[in-house]
Protein backbone atom coordinates (compact mmCIF):
# COMPACT_ATOMS: atom_id res chain seq x y z
CA MET A 1 0.00 0.00 0.00
CA MET A 2 1.25 3.50 -0.85
CA SER A 3 0.87 6.71 1.11
CA ARG A 4 1.36 10.40 0.34
CA ILE A 5 3.05 12.66 2.91
CA SER A 6 3.14 16.42 2.40
CA ALA A 7 4.63 19.29 4.38
CA GLU A 8 4.98 23.05 4.03
CA PHE A 9 8.41 24.70 4.27
CA GLU A 10 9.48 28.33 4.61
CA SER A 11 11.48 28.32 1.36
CA PRO A 12 12.02 26.11 -1.69
CA GLU A 13 15.61 25.50 -0.61
CA LEU A 14 14.50 23.94 2.68
CA ALA A 15 12.00 21.75 0.85
CA GLU A 16 14.70 20.58 -1.58
CA MET A 17 17.03 19.67 1.29
CA ALA A 18 14.27 17.70 3.03
CA LEU A 19 13.41 15.81 -0.15
CA LYS A 20 17.09 15.01 -0.69
CA ARG A 21 17.34 13.65 2.85
CA VAL A 22 14.23 11.50 2.28
CA LYS A 23 15.64 10.06 -0.96
CA GLU A 24 18.97 9.25 0.73
CA SER A 25 17.64 7.62 3.88
CA VAL A 26 14.20 6.11 3.17
CA SER A 27 13.67 3.05 0.99
CA HIS A 28 10.69 2.43 -1.30
CA VAL A 29 10.16 6.08 -2.27
CA PHE A 30 8.21 6.10 -5.51
CA ARG A 31 7.92 9.82 -6.21
CA THR A 32 8.86 13.18 -4.73
CA GLY A 33 7.84 16.68 -5.74
CA MET A 34 7.66 20.30 -4.73
CA ILE A 35 5.22 23.10 -5.45
CA TYR A 36 6.17 26.75 -4.92
CA ASN A 37 5.47 30.22 -6.25
CA LYS A 38 7.96 30.73 -9.08
CA LYS A 39 7.27 34.48 -9.19
CA THR A 40 9.27 34.91 -5.99
CA ASP A 41 12.52 34.40 -7.93
CA SER A 42 11.83 37.39 -10.17
CA THR A 43 10.48 39.58 -7.37
CA SER A 44 13.69 39.17 -5.39
CA LYS A 45 15.53 40.67 -8.37
CA LEU A 46 13.08 43.57 -8.52
CA SER A 47 13.83 44.63 -4.96
CA HIS A 48 17.27 45.94 -6.02
CA GLY A 49 16.04 48.04 -8.95
CA THR A 50 14.73 51.53 -9.55
CA LEU A 51 11.09 52.58 -9.73
CA TYR A 52 10.20 55.21 -12.34
CA THR A 53 6.98 57.21 -12.06
CA VAL A 54 5.89 59.38 -15.00
CA ILE A 55 3.89 62.42 -13.96
CA PRO A 56 2.16 64.57 -16.60
CA THR A 57 2.60 68.28 -15.90
CA ALA A 58 -0.38 69.50 -17.89
CA VAL A 59 -2.99 67.08 -19.15
CA THR A 60 -4.80 69.65 -21.28
CA SER A 61 -1.73 71.07 -23.02
CA PHE A 62 -0.72 69.93 -26.49
CA ASN A 63 2.98 69.43 -25.80
CA TYR A 64 2.55 66.78 -23.08
CA ILE A 65 5.64 67.68 -21.09
CA THR A 66 6.15 65.07 -18.41
CA ALA A 67 8.28 64.70 -15.34
CA VAL A 68 9.93 61.48 -14.22
CA VAL A 69 10.33 60.69 -10.53
CA GLU A 70 13.00 58.11 -9.79
CA SER A 71 13.16 56.18 -6.51
CA PRO A 72 14.83 52.96 -5.36
CA THR A 73 12.52 49.97 -5.01
CA SER A 74 12.04 48.00 -1.86
CA GLU A 75 10.12 44.88 -0.92
CA ASP A 76 7.07 47.04 -0.21
CA VAL A 77 6.60 47.63 -3.95
CA VAL A 78 5.98 43.92 -4.57
CA ILE A 79 2.62 42.73 -3.21
CA GLU A 80 2.65 40.11 -0.45
CA PRO A 81 1.43 37.02 -2.38
CA GLN A 82 4.34 37.41 -4.80
CA ARG A 83 6.86 37.75 -1.94
CA ASN A 84 5.68 34.56 -0.25
CA ARG A 85 8.42 31.93 -0.54
CA THR A 86 6.68 28.99 1.11
CA ALA A 87 6.97 25.64 -0.65
CA LYS A 88 4.98 22.45 -0.32
CA ALA A 89 6.91 19.17 -0.63
CA PHE A 90 5.33 15.76 -1.05
CA VAL A 91 6.54 12.17 -1.04
CA ILE A 92 4.74 9.07 -2.31
CA CYS A 93 6.19 6.02 -0.61
CA ASP A 94 5.38 2.65 0.91
CA ALA A 95 2.95 2.94 3.84
CA ALA A 96 5.48 1.29 6.16
CA ASN A 97 7.84 4.30 5.74
CA THR A 98 5.28 7.00 6.55
CA ALA A 99 6.63 7.57 10.05
CA ASN A 100 10.21 7.91 8.76
CA VAL A 101 9.29 10.50 6.12
CA SER A 102 7.18 12.46 8.62
CA ALA A 103 10.08 12.46 11.09
CA ILE A 104 12.49 13.77 8.44
CA PHE A 105 10.06 16.50 7.40
CA ASN A 106 9.61 17.48 11.04
CA SER A 107 13.36 17.57 11.73
CA MET A 108 14.02 19.66 8.59
CA GLY A 109 11.51 22.36 9.59
CA GLY A 110 8.37 21.10 7.89
CA LEU A 111 5.03 22.54 8.97
CA LYS A 112 1.49 21.23 8.44
CA ILE A 113 2.65 17.65 7.87
CA ARG A 114 -0.18 15.53 6.45
CA CYS A 115 -0.31 11.81 5.71
CA ASN A 116 -2.81 10.31 3.25
CA ILE A 117 -2.95 6.53 3.07
């Protein structure tokens, strides 16, 4: 009989390390996987950039002279769901190894550990 164990981690790197530990130390692991928000990789690059704001000086004029305000970006510019780096890791293994996988997830910082048999 097979079972599916999943856990939530604070970052994709922690989930990868936990899955590596499971593959190295638990036998009869059929499949592993990880789900995370891939937009967080690009938003971390945006936090070191520059934010440009174009301000029109006279909307009714025909020459449309504009001003540009330049400011450094911070993490506040990126909305919270795109900054969230949590990752969900899962393992499909033999039901006899469920306790071992759960223990590894717990020791590696896994939260919300769930077992489906």
